[in-house]
Amino acid sequence: MTISVDTIKQIIRPYGDTTGDAMVQVSFTLPVPQGPRADAAALQLAGKMGLDPASVVHTKPMGPDFTFFIVYGKATHLIDYAGITVPEGREYPLLTPNQVNLAIKTVLARKLVVVGACIGTDAHTVGIDAILNVKGFAGEKGLEYYREIEVHNLGAQVEVDELVVRAMGANADAVLVSQVVTQKSAHVHNTKQMAAAFAEAYPTSVTGGLGRPLLVAGGPRFDTVTPSDLGVDRIFGKGTTPGQVASYLVAALIPTWSPA
């Protein structure tokens, strides 16, 4: 008997106390005072989330009108692990700093200009600094270390209009924005506003190019959207290193250059 590859499945369940017991732990806050009625509401929510049976293992009042819950229960949902497909690796090579510098010097014959900032009310510069500052991140030096990259780090809480003006003044090849604050999807709204502002400020290239700087967004909570959703060219998530960003800039802005 021949089994088609398409029919092979790998069904998995969460692991709680023992393999395959499907037990999970979730936490959430409800806008109700702590008490038995609040516990009942939490269990009802857990049931609608697919946890059956479930139990409230911890509650804590968050002021007089809110309660924080931890619920432990058995998930009724199954996952076909074999049927999951994800992009494999990068679509561009990971370059060394020397290769990045060589590509820029050989093809552009000038410095590649990068402008970076945290936009809107976001004051968390740790992400943008990790990519731009010479001290870098994860053992890699930031873009300021690359002798052929000119970096303008504008810091935190930069208004979109100011970012556009500064990018135009610097003749930026790429604009990097970092968004850490995600309440009420602020990171999505801010990035869309930024993309729209650049589209308005820069005329479309008659040669078919972008007509504007490359727009790159970074942050820990962009995994629910795509670059086309935001109007940017690339999204980088948590754990991104300066070398990955530098390699992408070369691949996107100097596509004719090859390390080999």
C-alpha atoms as a PDB file:
ATOM      1  CA  MET A   1       0.000   0.000   0.000  1.00  0.00           C
ATOM      2  CA  THR A   2       1.365   3.390  -1.025  1.00  0.00           C
ATOM      3  CA  ILE A   3       0.718   6.405   1.204  1.00  0.00           C
ATOM      4  CA  SER A   4       0.688   9.785  -0.475  1.00  0.00           C
ATOM      5  CA  VAL A   5       2.987  12.331   1.135  1.00  0.00           C
ATOM      6  CA  ASP A   6       0.055  14.756   1.105  1.00  0.00           C
ATOM      7  CA  THR A   7      -1.870  12.503   3.510  1.00  0.00           C
ATOM      8  CA  ILE A   8       0.897  12.184   6.120  1.00  0.00           C
ATOM      9  CA  LYS A   9       0.171  14.279   9.179  1.00  0.00           C
ATOM     10  CA  GLN A  10       1.988  14.957  12.421  1.00  0.00           C
ATOM     11  CA  ILE A  11      -0.634  15.809  15.004  1.00  0.00           C
ATOM     12  CA  ILE A  12       0.707  17.548  18.087  1.00  0.00           C
ATOM     13  CA  ARG A  13      -0.826  18.745  21.347  1.00  0.00           C
ATOM     14  CA  PRO A  14       0.522  21.062  24.051  1.00  0.00           C
ATOM     15  CA  TYR A  15       2.714  19.611  26.773  1.00  0.00           C
ATOM     16  CA  GLY A  16       1.766  20.434  30.359  1.00  0.00           C
ATOM     17  CA  ASP A  17       2.516  17.795  32.979  1.00  0.00           C
ATOM     18  CA  THR A  18       2.957  14.792  30.661  1.00  0.00           C
ATOM     19  CA  THR A  19       3.497  14.338  26.941  1.00  0.00           C
ATOM     20  CA  GLY A  20       0.321  14.848  24.941  1.00  0.00           C
ATOM     21  CA  ASP A  21      -1.875  15.901  27.870  1.00  0.00           C
ATOM     22  CA  ALA A  22      -2.842  19.107  25.989  1.00  0.00           C
ATOM     23  CA  MET A  23      -2.616  21.236  29.140  1.00  0.00           C
ATOM     24  CA  VAL A  24      -1.925  24.954  28.719  1.00  0.00           C
ATOM     25  CA  GLN A  25      -1.687  28.010  30.963  1.00  0.00           C
ATOM     26  CA  VAL A  26      -3.060  31.385  29.925  1.00  0.00           C
ATOM     27  CA  SER A  27      -3.240  34.749  31.645  1.00  0.00           C
ATOM     28  CA  PHE A  28      -5.513  37.705  31.037  1.00  0.00           C
ATOM     29  CA  THR A  29      -7.262  40.614  32.743  1.00  0.00           C
ATOM     30  CA  LEU A  30     -11.006  41.211  32.872  1.00  0.00           C
ATOM     31  CA  PRO A  31     -12.654  44.564  33.682  1.00  0.00           C
ATOM     32  CA  VAL A  32     -14.535  43.204  36.713  1.00  0.00           C
ATOM     33  CA  PRO A  33     -13.937  43.209  40.507  1.00  0.00           C
ATOM     34  CA  GLN A  34     -12.287  40.140  42.033  1.00  0.00           C
ATOM     35  CA  GLY A  35     -14.719  37.503  43.305  1.00  0.00           C
ATOM     36  CA  PRO A  36     -16.667  34.308  42.493  1.00  0.00           C
ATOM     37  CA  ARG A  37     -18.577  35.960  39.667  1.00  0.00           C
ATOM     38  CA  ALA A  38     -15.329  37.129  38.121  1.00  0.00           C
ATOM     39  CA  ASP A  39     -13.936  33.574  38.382  1.00  0.00           C
ATOM     40  CA  ALA A  40     -17.024  32.257  36.607  1.00  0.00           C
ATOM     41  CA  ALA A  41     -16.545  34.809  33.834  1.00  0.00           C
ATOM     42  CA  ALA A  42     -12.906  33.769  33.444  1.00  0.00           C
ATOM     43  CA  LEU A  43     -13.894  30.086  33.163  1.00  0.00           C
ATOM     44  CA  GLN A  44     -16.557  30.915  30.602  1.00  0.00           C
ATOM     45  CA  LEU A  45     -13.970  32.789  28.542  1.00  0.00           C
ATOM     46  CA  ALA A  46     -11.536  29.875  28.860  1.00  0.00           C
ATOM     47  CA  GLY A  47     -14.201  27.514  27.561  1.00  0.00           C
ATOM     48  CA  LYS A  48     -14.801  29.710  24.520  1.00  0.00           C
ATOM     49  CA  MET A  49     -11.037  29.704  23.953  1.00  0.00           C
ATOM     50  CA  GLY A  50     -11.137  25.910  23.669  1.00  0.00           C
ATOM     51  CA  LEU A  51      -9.972  24.966  27.176  1.00  0.00           C
ATOM     52  CA  ASP A  52     -12.073  22.137  28.629  1.00  0.00           C
ATOM     53  CA  PRO A  53     -11.858  21.389  31.475  1.00  0.00           C
ATOM     54  CA  ALA A  54     -10.271  24.517  32.936  1.00  0.00           C
ATOM     55  CA  SER A  55      -9.622  25.928  36.382  1.00  0.00           C
ATOM     56  CA  VAL A  56      -8.689  29.321  37.767  1.00  0.00           C
ATOM     57  CA  VAL A  57      -5.387  28.801  39.587  1.00  0.00           C
ATOM     58  CA  HIS A  58      -4.615  32.423  40.469  1.00  0.00           C
ATOM     59  CA  THR A  59      -6.417  35.764  40.695  1.00  0.00           C
ATOM     60  CA  LYS A  60      -5.206  39.198  41.717  1.00  0.00           C
ATOM     61  CA  PRO A  61      -7.156  42.457  41.910  1.00  0.00           C
ATOM     62  CA  MET A  62      -5.836  45.193  39.625  1.00  0.00           C
ATOM     63  CA  GLY A  63      -7.436  48.080  41.452  1.00  0.00           C
ATOM     64  CA  PRO A  64     -11.111  47.981  42.440  1.00  0.00           C
ATOM     65  CA  ASP A  65     -12.539  47.269  38.978  1.00  0.00           C
ATOM     66  CA  PHE A  66     -10.117  44.845  37.277  1.00  0.00           C
ATOM     67  CA  THR A  67      -8.920  41.303  37.988  1.00  0.00           C
ATOM     68  CA  PHE A  68      -5.892  39.439  36.660  1.00  0.00           C
ATOM     69  CA  PHE A  69      -6.336  35.668  36.086  1.00  0.00           C
ATOM     70  CA  ILE A  70      -4.149  32.667  35.448  1.00  0.00           C
ATOM     71  CA  VAL A  71      -6.165  29.754  34.070  1.00  0.00           C
ATOM     72  CA  TYR A  72      -4.953  26.178  33.578  1.00  0.00           C
ATOM     73  CA  GLY A  73      -6.871  23.873  31.271  1.00  0.00           C
ATOM     74  CA  LYS A  74      -6.913  21.247  28.555  1.00  0.00           C
ATOM     75  CA  ALA A  75      -6.790  22.491  24.981  1.00  0.00           C
ATOM     76  CA  THR A  76      -9.302  20.895  22.648  1.00  0.00           C
ATOM     77  CA  HIS A  77      -7.488  21.997  19.497  1.00  0.00           C
ATOM     78  CA  LEU A  78      -4.943  19.928  17.561  1.00  0.00           C
ATOM     79  CA  ILE A  79      -2.140  21.065  15.254  1.00  0.00           C
ATOM     80  CA  ASP A  80      -0.900  19.314  12.117  1.00  0.00           C
ATOM     81  CA  TYR A  81       2.796  20.123  12.459  1.00  0.00           C
ATOM     82  CA  ALA A  82       3.687  18.445   9.153  1.00  0.00           C
ATOM     83  CA  GLY A  83       1.325  20.748   7.294  1.00  0.00           C
ATOM     84  CA  ILE A  84       2.990  23.954   8.481  1.00  0.00           C
ATOM     85  CA  THR A  85       5.159  25.774   5.953  1.00  0.00           C
ATOM     86  CA  VAL A  86       7.404  28.720   6.769  1.00  0.00           C
ATOM     87  CA  PRO A  87       9.980  30.644   4.719  1.00  0.00           C
ATOM     88  CA  GLU A  88      13.374  28.942   4.893  1.00  0.00           C
ATOM     89  CA  GLY A  89      16.320  31.217   5.600  1.00  0.00           C
ATOM     90  CA  ARG A  90      17.026  34.594   4.003  1.00  0.00           C
ATOM     91  CA  GLU A  91      16.593  35.494   0.373  1.00  0.00           C
ATOM     92  CA  TYR A  92      19.888  37.391   0.481  1.00  0.00           C
ATOM     93  CA  PRO A  93      23.413  36.389   1.580  1.00  0.00           C
ATOM     94  CA  LEU A  94      24.757  37.360   4.991  1.00  0.00           C
ATOM     95  CA  LEU A  95      27.787  39.552   4.376  1.00  0.00           C
ATOM     96  CA  THR A  96      30.768  40.494   6.513  1.00  0.00           C
ATOM     97  CA  PRO A  97      31.404  44.186   7.272  1.00  0.00           C
ATOM     98  CA  ASN A  98      34.277  44.148   4.774  1.00  0.00           C
ATOM     99  CA  GLN A  99      31.983  42.788   2.053  1.00  0.00           C
ATOM    100  CA  VAL A 100      29.346  45.405   2.818  1.00  0.00           C
ATOM    101  CA  ASN A 101      31.922  48.183   2.616  1.00  0.00           C
ATOM    102  CA  LEU A 102      33.331  46.779  -0.619  1.00  0.00           C
ATOM    103  CA  ALA A 103      29.910  46.577  -2.253  1.00  0.00           C
ATOM    104  CA  ILE A 104      29.056  50.164  -1.366  1.00  0.00           C
ATOM    105  CA  LYS A 105      32.438  51.547  -2.396  1.00  0.00           C
ATOM    106  CA  THR A 106      32.547  49.587  -5.659  1.00  0.00           C
ATOM    107  CA  VAL A 107      29.011  50.219  -6.913  1.00  0.00           C
ATOM    108  CA  LEU A 108      27.801  53.416  -5.248  1.00  0.00           C
ATOM    109  CA  ALA A 109      31.225  55.081  -5.123  1.00  0.00           C
ATOM    110  CA  ARG A 110      29.926  57.097  -2.172  1.00  0.00           C
ATOM    111  CA  LYS A 111      28.710  56.456   1.346  1.00  0.00           C
ATOM    112  CA  LEU A 112      25.348  54.755   1.807  1.00  0.00           C
ATOM    113  CA  VAL A 113      23.228  57.073   3.959  1.00  0.00           C
ATOM    114  CA  VAL A 114      20.997  55.626   6.671  1.00  0.00           C
ATOM    115  CA  VAL A 115      18.611  57.638   8.854  1.00  0.00           C
ATOM    116  CA  GLY A 116      17.136  55.927  11.904  1.00  0.00           C
ATOM    117  CA  ALA A 117      14.641  56.896  14.597  1.00  0.00           C
ATOM    118  CA  CYS A 118      11.925  55.849  17.011  1.00  0.00           C
ATOM    119  CA  ILE A 119       8.809  57.599  15.740  1.00  0.00           C
ATOM    120  CA  GLY A 120       5.675  58.866  17.431  1.00  0.00           C
ATOM    121  CA  THR A 121       5.632  58.711  21.227  1.00  0.00           C
ATOM    122  CA  ASP A 122       7.936  55.695  21.346  1.00  0.00           C
ATOM    123  CA  ALA A 123      10.863  56.467  23.635  1.00  0.00           C
ATOM    124  CA  HIS A 124      12.492  53.022  23.581  1.00  0.00           C
ATOM    125  CA  THR A 125      15.764  53.456  21.705  1.00  0.00           C
ATOM    126  CA  VAL A 126      17.332  50.125  22.658  1.00  0.00           C
ATOM    127  CA  GLY A 127      16.338  48.550  19.337  1.00  0.00           C
ATOM    128  CA  ILE A 128      17.455  51.305  16.994  1.00  0.00           C
ATOM    129  CA  ASP A 129      20.635  51.825  19.017  1.00  0.00           C
ATOM    130  CA  ALA A 130      21.447  48.107  18.812  1.00  0.00           C
ATOM    131  CA  ILE A 131      21.406  48.335  15.017  1.00  0.00           C
ATOM    132  CA  LEU A 132      22.974  51.767  14.507  1.00  0.00           C
ATOM    133  CA  ASN A 133      25.383  52.430  17.386  1.00  0.00           C
ATOM    134  CA  VAL A 134      28.929  51.180  17.005  1.00  0.00           C
ATOM    135  CA  LYS A 135      28.590  49.008  20.133  1.00  0.00           C
ATOM    136  CA  GLY A 136      25.996  46.965  18.255  1.00  0.00           C
ATOM    137  CA  PHE A 137      24.231  43.830  19.442  1.00  0.00           C
ATOM    138  CA  ALA A 138      24.875  40.100  19.887  1.00  0.00           C
ATOM    139  CA  GLY A 139      28.602  40.499  19.370  1.00  0.00           C
ATOM    140  CA  GLU A 140      28.196  42.465  16.131  1.00  0.00           C
ATOM    141  CA  LYS A 141      29.094  46.120  15.746  1.00  0.00           C
ATOM    142  CA  GLY A 142      26.377  48.510  14.580  1.00  0.00           C
ATOM    143  CA  LEU A 143      26.147  50.311  11.268  1.00  0.00           C
ATOM    144  CA  GLU A 144      28.246  53.216  12.581  1.00  0.00           C
ATOM    145  CA  TYR A 145      31.176  50.786  12.485  1.00  0.00           C
ATOM    146  CA  TYR A 146      30.886  50.357   8.687  1.00  0.00           C
ATOM    147  CA  ARG A 147      33.187  52.938   7.131  1.00  0.00           C
ATOM    148  CA  GLU A 148      31.082  53.191   3.947  1.00  0.00           C
ATOM    149  CA  ILE A 149      27.790  53.803   5.801  1.00  0.00           C
ATOM    150  CA  GLU A 150      26.863  57.279   6.998  1.00  0.00           C
ATOM    151  CA  VAL A 151      24.484  56.984   9.965  1.00  0.00           C
ATOM    152  CA  HIS A 152      22.084  59.617  11.297  1.00  0.00           C
ATOM    153  CA  ASN A 153      20.494  58.376  14.517  1.00  0.00           C
ATOM    154  CA  LEU A 154      17.702  60.814  15.389  1.00  0.00           C
ATOM    155  CA  GLY A 155      16.821  59.105  18.663  1.00  0.00           C
ATOM    156  CA  ALA A 156      13.390  58.804  20.269  1.00  0.00           C
ATOM    157  CA  GLN A 157       9.956  60.382  19.865  1.00  0.00           C
ATOM    158  CA  VAL A 158      10.645  61.761  16.414  1.00  0.00           C
ATOM    159  CA  GLU A 159       7.617  63.154  14.597  1.00  0.00           C
ATOM    160  CA  VAL A 160       6.980  61.669  11.165  1.00  0.00           C
ATOM    161  CA  ASP A 161       7.165  65.059   9.436  1.00  0.00           C
ATOM    162  CA  GLU A 162      10.552  65.733  11.030  1.00  0.00           C
ATOM    163  CA  LEU A 163      11.800  62.301   9.956  1.00  0.00           C
ATOM    164  CA  VAL A 164      10.856  63.005   6.347  1.00  0.00           C
ATOM    165  CA  VAL A 165      12.572  66.397   6.420  1.00  0.00           C
ATOM    166  CA  ARG A 166      15.740  64.979   7.982  1.00  0.00           C
ATOM    167  CA  ALA A 167      15.812  62.078   5.517  1.00  0.00           C
ATOM    168  CA  MET A 168      15.452  64.420   2.561  1.00  0.00           C
ATOM    169  CA  GLY A 169      18.122  66.740   3.944  1.00  0.00           C
ATOM    170  CA  ALA A 170      20.568  63.859   4.347  1.00  0.00           C
ATOM    171  CA  ASN A 171      19.727  62.355   0.938  1.00  0.00           C
ATOM    172  CA  ALA A 172      18.975  59.120   2.751  1.00  0.00           C
ATOM    173  CA  ASP A 173      19.213  55.830   0.921  1.00  0.00           C
ATOM    174  CA  ALA A 174      17.386  54.020   3.703  1.00  0.00           C
ATOM    175  CA  VAL A 175      15.230  54.957   6.685  1.00  0.00           C
ATOM    176  CA  LEU A 176      15.100  52.619   9.681  1.00  0.00           C
ATOM    177  CA  VAL A 177      12.321  53.047  12.249  1.00  0.00           C
ATOM    178  CA  SER A 178      12.011  51.144  15.507  1.00  0.00           C
ATOM    179  CA  GLN A 179       8.682  50.588  17.278  1.00  0.00           C
ATOM    180  CA  VAL A 180       8.533  48.904  20.676  1.00  0.00           C
ATOM    181  CA  VAL A 181       5.333  50.403  22.113  1.00  0.00           C
ATOM    182  CA  THR A 182       2.427  48.329  20.804  1.00  0.00           C
ATOM    183  CA  GLN A 183      -0.566  49.392  22.896  1.00  0.00           C
ATOM    184  CA  LYS A 184      -3.656  49.818  20.710  1.00  0.00           C
ATOM    185  CA  SER A 185      -1.483  48.832  17.709  1.00  0.00           C
ATOM    186  CA  ALA A 186       0.471  52.083  17.934  1.00  0.00           C
ATOM    187  CA  HIS A 187       3.410  50.461  16.110  1.00  0.00           C
ATOM    188  CA  VAL A 188       1.206  49.643  13.119  1.00  0.00           C
ATOM    189  CA  HIS A 189      -0.468  53.043  12.966  1.00  0.00           C
ATOM    190  CA  ASN A 190       2.818  54.933  13.329  1.00  0.00           C
ATOM    191  CA  THR A 191       4.553  52.906  10.633  1.00  0.00           C
ATOM    192  CA  LYS A 192       1.666  53.300   8.186  1.00  0.00           C
ATOM    193  CA  GLN A 193       1.671  57.041   8.821  1.00  0.00           C
ATOM    194  CA  MET A 194       5.403  57.148   8.179  1.00  0.00           C
ATOM    195  CA  ALA A 195       5.102  55.192   4.920  1.00  0.00           C
ATOM    196  CA  ALA A 196       2.285  57.448   3.690  1.00  0.00           C
ATOM    197  CA  ALA A 197       4.308  60.568   4.496  1.00  0.00           C
ATOM    198  CA  PHE A 198       7.295  59.339   2.485  1.00  0.00           C
ATOM    199  CA  ALA A 199       5.079  58.333  -0.429  1.00  0.00           C
ATOM    200  CA  GLU A 200       3.651  61.858  -0.481  1.00  0.00           C
ATOM    201  CA  ALA A 201       6.996  63.621  -0.059  1.00  0.00           C
ATOM    202  CA  TYR A 202       8.902  61.693  -2.719  1.00  0.00           C
ATOM    203  CA  PRO A 203       7.771  61.573  -6.346  1.00  0.00           C
ATOM    204  CA  THR A 204       7.575  58.161  -7.979  1.00  0.00           C
ATOM    205  CA  SER A 205      10.700  57.409  -9.974  1.00  0.00           C
ATOM    206  CA  VAL A 206      10.174  57.587 -13.738  1.00  0.00           C
ATOM    207  CA  THR A 207      12.692  54.776 -14.136  1.00  0.00           C
ATOM    208  CA  GLY A 208      10.528  52.373 -12.154  1.00  0.00           C
ATOM    209  CA  GLY A 209      12.490  52.636  -8.902  1.00  0.00           C
ATOM    210  CA  LEU A 210      11.122  53.493  -5.494  1.00  0.00           C
ATOM    211  CA  GLY A 211      11.635  57.227  -5.837  1.00  0.00           C
ATOM    212  CA  ARG A 212      12.135  57.361  -2.069  1.00  0.00           C
ATOM    213  CA  PRO A 213      14.478  55.880   0.520  1.00  0.00           C
ATOM    214  CA  LEU A 214      14.194  52.225   1.396  1.00  0.00           C
ATOM    215  CA  LEU A 215      11.810  51.987   4.367  1.00  0.00           C
ATOM    216  CA  VAL A 216      12.630  49.434   7.052  1.00  0.00           C
ATOM    217  CA  ALA A 217      10.599  48.843  10.217  1.00  0.00           C
ATOM    218  CA  GLY A 218      11.790  46.909  13.246  1.00  0.00           C
ATOM    219  CA  GLY A 219      10.270  45.778  16.517  1.00  0.00           C
ATOM    220  CA  PRO A 220       9.132  42.766  18.539  1.00  0.00           C
ATOM    221  CA  ARG A 221       5.442  42.803  17.570  1.00  0.00           C
ATOM    222  CA  PHE A 222       5.304  43.086  13.801  1.00  0.00           C
ATOM    223  CA  ASP A 223       4.703  39.350  13.317  1.00  0.00           C
ATOM    224  CA  THR A 224       0.986  39.813  12.522  1.00  0.00           C
ATOM    225  CA  VAL A 225       1.545  42.110   9.524  1.00  0.00           C
ATOM    226  CA  THR A 226       3.494  42.083   6.274  1.00  0.00           C
ATOM    227  CA  PRO A 227       5.596  44.854   4.685  1.00  0.00           C
ATOM    228  CA  SER A 228       2.855  45.470   2.106  1.00  0.00           C
ATOM    229  CA  ASP A 229       0.337  45.935   4.929  1.00  0.00           C
ATOM    230  CA  LEU A 230       2.446  48.764   6.326  1.00  0.00           C
ATOM    231  CA  GLY A 231       3.735  50.267   3.088  1.00  0.00           C
ATOM    232  CA  VAL A 232       7.366  49.536   3.908  1.00  0.00           C
ATOM    233  CA  ASP A 233      10.010  47.462   2.163  1.00  0.00           C
ATOM    234  CA  ARG A 234      11.112  45.241   5.011  1.00  0.00           C
ATOM    235  CA  ILE A 235      10.212  44.265   8.574  1.00  0.00           C
ATOM    236  CA  PHE A 236      12.782  42.971  11.052  1.00  0.00           C
ATOM    237  CA  GLY A 237      11.708  41.277  14.282  1.00  0.00           C
ATOM    238  CA  LYS A 238      13.290  40.571  17.638  1.00  0.00           C
ATOM    239  CA  GLY A 239      16.822  39.219  17.640  1.00  0.00           C
ATOM    240  CA  THR A 240      17.813  40.993  14.414  1.00  0.00           C
ATOM    241  CA  THR A 241      21.523  41.822  14.251  1.00  0.00           C
ATOM    242  CA  PRO A 242      23.288  44.771  12.586  1.00  0.00           C
ATOM    243  CA  GLY A 243      24.903  42.401  10.092  1.00  0.00           C
ATOM    244  CA  GLN A 244      21.523  41.155   8.906  1.00  0.00           C
ATOM    245  CA  VAL A 245      20.318  44.715   8.341  1.00  0.00           C
ATOM    246  CA  ALA A 246      23.520  45.764   6.569  1.00  0.00           C
ATOM    247  CA  SER A 247      23.363  42.705   4.326  1.00  0.00           C
ATOM    248  CA  TYR A 248      19.751  43.470   3.446  1.00  0.00           C
ATOM    249  CA  LEU A 249      20.583  47.072   2.568  1.00  0.00           C
ATOM    250  CA  VAL A 250      23.225  45.868   0.118  1.00  0.00           C
ATOM    251  CA  ALA A 251      20.883  43.279  -1.406  1.00  0.00           C
ATOM    252  CA  ALA A 252      18.051  45.799  -1.788  1.00  0.00           C
ATOM    253  CA  LEU A 253      20.008  48.870  -2.852  1.00  0.00           C
ATOM    254  CA  ILE A 254      22.894  47.263  -4.772  1.00  0.00           C
ATOM    255  CA  PRO A 255      21.306  44.131  -6.258  1.00  0.00           C
ATOM    256  CA  THR A 256      23.930  43.867  -9.028  1.00  0.00           C
ATOM    257  CA  TRP A 257      26.752  43.204  -6.560  1.00  0.00           C
ATOM    258  CA  SER A 258      27.681  39.653  -5.607  1.00  0.00           C
ATOM    259  CA  PRO A 259      30.149  38.534  -2.910  1.00  0.00           C
ATOM    260  CA  ALA A 260      31.386  35.768  -5.199  1.00  0.00           C
END
